[in-house]
Amino acid sequence: MTDWRAVFIGFLVVTVFGIIGLVVPGIGQLAAGLIGGFVAGYMAGGGLGSGFWHGLLAGSLGGIIGGLLIGVAVGLAGIALGPLGGAIAGTAGLGIFALAVAISLFMALESAVAGTVGAAVRT
């Protein structure tokens, strides 16, 4: 059974460290996913499979939110540039969607591995 409290706290850790990690692009986001997944897996406990699952959920939620923030930023930039900017932002929508999916997938996988480690540490 899913421990949503562990998933939510892991998601919050991913989000907070992701925002702080904007100072160090790439490494900061990587560390955010690893730390958040570890926290979710550790809190959930229950074995390696449970840690994997909870880390996966926490990381994917963090990745989805990150992708949405990128989409909103590009959308706002398009609105600010007027009709031409709106057309450009609309055309870039498919690229933004692909980027959001890639971010979500990567953060989910690294968080799942870290969640497995967190569950192993707890047992």
N, C-alpha and C. Protein backbone atom coordinates (compact mmCIF):
# COMPACT_ATOMS: atom_id res chain seq x y z
N MET A 1 0.84 -1.17 0.00
CA MET A 1 0.00 0.00 0.00
C MET A 1 0.89 1.24 0.00
N THR A 2 0.45 2.26 -0.69
CA THR A 2 1.24 3.47 -0.83
C THR A 2 1.11 4.35 0.41
N ASP A 3 2.26 4.76 0.93
CA ASP A 3 2.30 5.69 2.05
C ASP A 3 2.39 7.10 1.46
N TRP A 4 1.24 7.74 1.30
CA TRP A 4 1.19 9.05 0.64
C TRP A 4 1.89 10.13 1.43
N ARG A 5 2.00 9.94 2.73
CA ARG A 5 2.73 10.92 3.54
C ARG A 5 4.20 10.91 3.15
N ALA A 6 4.77 9.73 2.98
CA ALA A 6 6.17 9.61 2.57
C ALA A 6 6.36 10.17 1.16
N VAL A 7 5.42 9.90 0.27
CA VAL A 7 5.51 10.41 -1.10
C VAL A 7 5.44 11.94 -1.09
N PHE A 8 4.51 12.50 -0.32
CA PHE A 8 4.34 13.95 -0.29
C PHE A 8 5.57 14.64 0.30
N ILE A 9 6.12 14.08 1.37
CA ILE A 9 7.31 14.69 1.97
C ILE A 9 8.51 14.56 1.02
N GLY A 10 8.63 13.41 0.36
CA GLY A 10 9.68 13.26 -0.65
C GLY A 10 9.52 14.25 -1.79
N PHE A 11 8.26 14.47 -2.22
CA PHE A 11 7.97 15.45 -3.26
C PHE A 11 8.36 16.85 -2.81
N LEU A 12 8.04 17.19 -1.56
CA LEU A 12 8.40 18.52 -1.04
C LEU A 12 9.92 18.69 -1.01
N VAL A 13 10.62 17.63 -0.63
CA VAL A 13 12.09 17.70 -0.60
C VAL A 13 12.63 17.90 -2.02
N VAL A 14 12.07 17.16 -3.00
CA VAL A 14 12.48 17.33 -4.39
C VAL A 14 12.24 18.76 -4.84
N THR A 15 11.08 19.30 -4.51
CA THR A 15 10.72 20.65 -4.94
C THR A 15 11.62 21.70 -4.29
N VAL A 16 11.81 21.62 -2.98
CA VAL A 16 12.63 22.61 -2.28
C VAL A 16 14.08 22.54 -2.76
N PHE A 17 14.64 21.35 -2.82
CA PHE A 17 16.02 21.23 -3.28
C PHE A 17 16.14 21.57 -4.75
N GLY A 18 15.10 21.33 -5.54
CA GLY A 18 15.11 21.72 -6.94
C GLY A 18 15.15 23.22 -7.11
N ILE A 19 14.41 23.93 -6.29
CA ILE A 19 14.43 25.39 -6.34
C ILE A 19 15.78 25.92 -5.89
N ILE A 20 16.30 25.36 -4.81
CA ILE A 20 17.63 25.75 -4.34
C ILE A 20 18.68 25.36 -5.38
N GLY A 21 18.46 24.22 -6.04
CA GLY A 21 19.41 23.72 -7.03
C GLY A 21 19.46 24.52 -8.31
N LEU A 22 18.57 25.48 -8.48
CA LEU A 22 18.64 26.32 -9.67
C LEU A 22 19.93 27.12 -9.72
N VAL A 23 20.57 27.29 -8.57
CA VAL A 23 21.84 28.00 -8.52
C VAL A 23 22.93 27.18 -9.23
N VAL A 24 22.84 25.86 -9.10
CA VAL A 24 23.80 24.96 -9.74
C VAL A 24 23.02 24.08 -10.72
N PRO A 25 22.73 24.57 -11.93
CA PRO A 25 21.91 23.81 -12.87
C PRO A 25 22.50 22.43 -13.15
N GLY A 26 21.61 21.47 -13.31
CA GLY A 26 22.04 20.10 -13.59
C GLY A 26 22.36 19.34 -12.33
N ILE A 27 23.42 19.72 -11.66
CA ILE A 27 23.82 19.03 -10.44
C ILE A 27 22.78 19.24 -9.35
N GLY A 28 22.25 20.45 -9.25
CA GLY A 28 21.24 20.75 -8.24
C GLY A 28 19.97 19.94 -8.45
N GLN A 29 19.55 19.79 -9.70
CA GLN A 29 18.35 19.01 -9.99
C GLN A 29 18.59 17.52 -9.75
N LEU A 30 19.77 17.07 -10.08
CA LEU A 30 20.12 15.67 -9.84
C LEU A 30 20.11 15.37 -8.35
N ALA A 31 20.72 16.25 -7.57
CA ALA A 31 20.74 16.06 -6.12
C ALA A 31 19.34 16.13 -5.53
N ALA A 32 18.49 16.99 -6.08
CA ALA A 32 17.12 17.11 -5.57
C ALA A 32 16.36 15.80 -5.74
N GLY A 33 16.47 15.19 -6.90
CA GLY A 33 15.79 13.91 -7.14
C GLY A 33 16.32 12.80 -6.26
N LEU A 34 17.63 12.77 -6.09
CA LEU A 34 18.23 11.72 -5.26
C LEU A 34 17.84 11.86 -3.79
N ILE A 35 17.92 13.08 -3.28
CA ILE A 35 17.61 13.30 -1.86
C ILE A 35 16.13 13.07 -1.59
N GLY A 36 15.26 13.58 -2.46
CA GLY A 36 13.81 13.39 -2.27
C GLY A 36 13.40 11.94 -2.36
N GLY A 37 13.97 11.20 -3.31
CA GLY A 37 13.67 9.77 -3.42
C GLY A 37 14.16 9.00 -2.21
N PHE A 38 15.34 9.35 -1.72
CA PHE A 38 15.88 8.69 -0.53
C PHE A 38 14.95 8.92 0.66
N VAL A 39 14.51 10.17 0.85
CA VAL A 39 13.63 10.49 1.96
C VAL A 39 12.32 9.71 1.86
N ALA A 40 11.73 9.66 0.67
CA ALA A 40 10.47 8.93 0.48
C ALA A 40 10.65 7.44 0.77
N GLY A 41 11.72 6.86 0.25
CA GLY A 41 11.98 5.43 0.48
C GLY A 41 12.28 5.13 1.92
N TYR A 42 13.03 6.00 2.57
CA TYR A 42 13.37 5.79 3.98
C TYR A 42 12.11 5.88 4.85
N MET A 43 11.29 6.89 4.59
CA MET A 43 10.07 7.05 5.39
C MET A 43 9.10 5.90 5.19
N ALA A 44 8.99 5.41 3.96
CA ALA A 44 8.04 4.34 3.67
C ALA A 44 8.53 3.00 4.22
N GLY A 45 9.83 2.76 4.09
CA GLY A 45 10.38 1.49 4.56
C GLY A 45 9.73 0.31 3.85
N GLY A 46 9.64 -0.83 4.51
CA GLY A 46 8.91 -1.97 3.96
C GLY A 46 9.62 -2.77 2.90
N GLY A 47 10.88 -2.59 2.68
CA GLY A 47 11.61 -3.38 1.71
C GLY A 47 12.01 -2.57 0.48
N LEU A 48 12.81 -3.23 -0.38
CA LEU A 48 13.35 -2.54 -1.55
C LEU A 48 12.28 -2.14 -2.55
N GLY A 49 11.30 -3.01 -2.77
CA GLY A 49 10.22 -2.71 -3.71
C GLY A 49 9.40 -1.52 -3.27
N SER A 50 9.13 -1.45 -2.00
CA SER A 50 8.37 -0.33 -1.45
C SER A 50 9.16 0.97 -1.57
N GLY A 51 10.44 0.91 -1.27
CA GLY A 51 11.29 2.10 -1.40
C GLY A 51 11.36 2.57 -2.84
N PHE A 52 11.48 1.60 -3.77
CA PHE A 52 11.50 1.93 -5.20
C PHE A 52 10.21 2.64 -5.60
N TRP A 53 9.08 2.09 -5.19
CA TRP A 53 7.78 2.64 -5.56
C TRP A 53 7.58 4.05 -5.01
N HIS A 54 7.89 4.25 -3.75
CA HIS A 54 7.68 5.55 -3.12
C HIS A 54 8.65 6.61 -3.68
N GLY A 55 9.89 6.21 -3.93
CA GLY A 55 10.83 7.13 -4.57
C GLY A 55 10.40 7.49 -5.98
N LEU A 56 9.87 6.49 -6.71
CA LEU A 56 9.38 6.73 -8.06
C LEU A 56 8.24 7.75 -8.07
N LEU A 57 7.29 7.57 -7.16
CA LEU A 57 6.17 8.50 -7.09
C LEU A 57 6.62 9.91 -6.71
N ALA A 58 7.48 10.02 -5.71
CA ALA A 58 7.95 11.35 -5.28
C ALA A 58 8.72 12.04 -6.41
N GLY A 59 9.57 11.33 -7.08
CA GLY A 59 10.36 11.92 -8.17
C GLY A 59 9.52 12.29 -9.37
N SER A 60 8.54 11.46 -9.71
CA SER A 60 7.72 11.79 -10.87
C SER A 60 6.83 12.99 -10.59
N LEU A 61 6.31 13.11 -9.38
CA LEU A 61 5.54 14.31 -9.04
C LEU A 61 6.41 15.56 -9.11
N GLY A 62 7.62 15.47 -8.60
CA GLY A 62 8.54 16.60 -8.69
C GLY A 62 8.89 16.94 -10.12
N GLY A 63 9.07 15.94 -10.96
CA GLY A 63 9.37 16.18 -12.37
C GLY A 63 8.21 16.79 -13.12
N ILE A 64 7.00 16.36 -12.80
CA ILE A 64 5.82 16.93 -13.45
C ILE A 64 5.68 18.40 -13.09
N ILE A 65 5.86 18.72 -11.83
CA ILE A 65 5.77 20.12 -11.40
C ILE A 65 6.87 20.95 -12.07
N GLY A 66 8.07 20.41 -12.16
CA GLY A 66 9.16 21.12 -12.84
C GLY A 66 8.85 21.37 -14.30
N GLY A 67 8.30 20.38 -14.98
CA GLY A 67 7.91 20.55 -16.37
C GLY A 67 6.81 21.57 -16.55
N LEU A 68 5.84 21.56 -15.64
CA LEU A 68 4.77 22.55 -15.71
C LEU A 68 5.29 23.97 -15.50
N LEU A 69 6.25 24.13 -14.59
CA LEU A 69 6.83 25.45 -14.37
C LEU A 69 7.55 25.96 -15.61
N ILE A 70 8.24 25.07 -16.31
CA ILE A 70 8.90 25.46 -17.56
C ILE A 70 7.85 25.88 -18.59
N GLY A 71 6.76 25.12 -18.69
CA GLY A 71 5.69 25.45 -19.62
C GLY A 71 5.05 26.79 -19.32
N VAL A 72 4.80 27.07 -18.05
CA VAL A 72 4.21 28.35 -17.66
C VAL A 72 5.16 29.50 -17.99
N ALA A 73 6.45 29.32 -17.72
CA ALA A 73 7.42 30.38 -18.01
C ALA A 73 7.46 30.70 -19.50
N VAL A 74 7.45 29.67 -20.35
CA VAL A 74 7.47 29.91 -21.79
C VAL A 74 6.15 30.53 -22.25
N GLY A 75 5.05 30.09 -21.67
CA GLY A 75 3.75 30.67 -22.01
C GLY A 75 3.67 32.13 -21.65
N LEU A 76 4.16 32.50 -20.47
CA LEU A 76 4.17 33.90 -20.06
C LEU A 76 5.08 34.75 -20.94
N ALA A 77 6.20 34.18 -21.33
CA ALA A 77 7.10 34.90 -22.24
C ALA A 77 6.41 35.12 -23.59
N GLY A 78 5.66 34.14 -24.06
CA GLY A 78 4.92 34.28 -25.31
C GLY A 78 3.86 35.35 -25.24
N ILE A 79 3.16 35.41 -24.11
CA ILE A 79 2.12 36.43 -23.92
C ILE A 79 2.76 37.82 -23.89
N ALA A 80 3.90 37.93 -23.23
CA ALA A 80 4.58 39.22 -23.12
C ALA A 80 5.06 39.73 -24.46
N LEU A 81 5.33 38.84 -25.39
CA LEU A 81 5.84 39.25 -26.70
C LEU A 81 4.73 39.53 -27.71
N GLY A 82 3.49 39.42 -27.29
CA GLY A 82 2.37 39.75 -28.17
C GLY A 82 1.98 38.59 -29.07
N PRO A 83 1.25 38.89 -30.16
CA PRO A 83 0.74 37.83 -31.04
C PRO A 83 1.83 36.96 -31.66
N LEU A 84 2.91 37.58 -32.08
CA LEU A 84 4.00 36.80 -32.67
C LEU A 84 4.62 35.88 -31.62
N GLY A 85 4.81 36.42 -30.42
CA GLY A 85 5.35 35.60 -29.33
C GLY A 85 4.41 34.47 -28.96
N GLY A 86 3.10 34.73 -29.01
CA GLY A 86 2.13 33.67 -28.74
C GLY A 86 2.22 32.55 -29.76
N ALA A 87 2.40 32.92 -31.02
CA ALA A 87 2.54 31.91 -32.07
C ALA A 87 3.82 31.09 -31.88
N ILE A 88 4.89 31.78 -31.51
CA ILE A 88 6.16 31.08 -31.29
C ILE A 88 6.04 30.15 -30.07
N ALA A 89 5.42 30.65 -29.00
CA ALA A 89 5.25 29.83 -27.80
C ALA A 89 4.35 28.63 -28.08
N GLY A 90 3.31 28.84 -28.89
CA GLY A 90 2.43 27.73 -29.25
C GLY A 90 3.15 26.67 -30.06
N THR A 91 4.00 27.12 -30.98
CA THR A 91 4.78 26.19 -31.80
C THR A 91 5.77 25.42 -30.94
N ALA A 92 6.33 26.09 -29.95
CA ALA A 92 7.31 25.45 -29.06
C ALA A 92 6.64 24.51 -28.07
N GLY A 93 5.32 24.47 -28.05
CA GLY A 93 4.58 23.65 -27.08
C GLY A 93 4.95 22.18 -27.12
N LEU A 94 5.14 21.63 -28.32
CA LEU A 94 5.51 20.21 -28.42
C LEU A 94 6.89 19.96 -27.82
N GLY A 95 7.81 20.86 -28.05
CA GLY A 95 9.14 20.72 -27.46
C GLY A 95 9.10 20.83 -25.95
N ILE A 96 8.26 21.73 -25.47
CA ILE A 96 8.11 21.89 -24.02
C ILE A 96 7.51 20.62 -23.42
N PHE A 97 6.52 20.05 -24.09
CA PHE A 97 5.90 18.82 -23.60
C PHE A 97 6.94 17.69 -23.55
N ALA A 98 7.74 17.57 -24.60
CA ALA A 98 8.77 16.53 -24.63
C ALA A 98 9.80 16.75 -23.52
N LEU A 99 10.17 18.01 -23.29
CA LEU A 99 11.11 18.32 -22.22
C LEU A 99 10.52 17.98 -20.85
N ALA A 100 9.25 18.30 -20.65
CA ALA A 100 8.59 18.00 -19.37
C ALA A 100 8.53 16.49 -19.13
N VAL A 101 8.24 15.73 -20.17
CA VAL A 101 8.20 14.27 -20.04
C VAL A 101 9.60 13.73 -19.72
N ALA A 102 10.62 14.26 -20.38
CA ALA A 102 11.98 13.80 -20.13
C ALA A 102 12.43 14.13 -18.71
N ILE A 103 12.11 15.34 -18.25
CA ILE A 103 12.47 15.72 -16.87
C ILE A 103 11.76 14.81 -15.87
N SER A 104 10.49 14.58 -16.10
CA SER A 104 9.71 13.74 -15.19
C SER A 104 10.25 12.31 -15.17
N LEU A 105 10.56 11.76 -16.32
CA LEU A 105 11.07 10.40 -16.41
C LEU A 105 12.43 10.27 -15.71
N PHE A 106 13.32 11.23 -15.97
CA PHE A 106 14.64 11.17 -15.36
C PHE A 106 14.57 11.31 -13.85
N MET A 107 13.79 12.28 -13.38
CA MET A 107 13.68 12.46 -11.93
C MET A 107 13.01 11.26 -11.27
N ALA A 108 12.04 10.65 -11.96
CA ALA A 108 11.38 9.48 -11.40
C ALA A 108 12.35 8.31 -11.26
N LEU A 109 13.16 8.09 -12.27
CA LEU A 109 14.09 6.95 -12.23
C LEU A 109 15.18 7.13 -11.18
N GLU A 110 15.77 8.32 -11.14
CA GLU A 110 16.81 8.52 -10.13
C GLU A 110 16.24 8.50 -8.71
N SER A 111 15.03 9.01 -8.55
CA SER A 111 14.40 8.99 -7.23
C SER A 111 14.02 7.57 -6.82
N ALA A 112 13.64 6.76 -7.80
CA ALA A 112 13.30 5.37 -7.50
C ALA A 112 14.53 4.60 -7.00
N VAL A 113 15.66 4.82 -7.64
CA VAL A 113 16.90 4.17 -7.19
C VAL A 113 17.27 4.65 -5.79
N ALA A 114 17.17 5.95 -5.58
CA ALA A 114 17.48 6.50 -4.26
C ALA A 114 16.48 6.01 -3.21
N GLY A 115 15.21 5.84 -3.60
CA GLY A 115 14.21 5.30 -2.68
C GLY A 115 14.53 3.88 -2.27
N THR A 116 15.06 3.10 -3.21
CA THR A 116 15.48 1.73 -2.89
C THR A 116 16.60 1.75 -1.86
N VAL A 117 17.56 2.66 -2.04
CA VAL A 117 18.66 2.78 -1.08
C VAL A 117 18.13 3.23 0.27
N GLY A 118 17.20 4.19 0.27
CA GLY A 118 16.61 4.67 1.52
C GLY A 118 15.90 3.56 2.28
N ALA A 119 15.15 2.73 1.57
CA ALA A 119 14.47 1.61 2.22
C ALA A 119 15.47 0.59 2.75
N ALA A 120 16.56 0.37 2.01
CA ALA A 120 17.59 -0.57 2.45
C ALA A 120 18.29 -0.07 3.72
N VAL A 121 18.51 1.23 3.80
CA VAL A 121 19.14 1.81 4.98
C VAL A 121 18.26 1.66 6.20
N ARG A 122 16.95 1.80 5.98
CA ARG A 122 16.03 1.73 7.10
C ARG A 122 15.89 0.30 7.66
N THR A 123 16.01 -0.69 6.79
CA THR A 123 15.84 -2.08 7.27
C THR A 123 17.08 -2.67 7.78
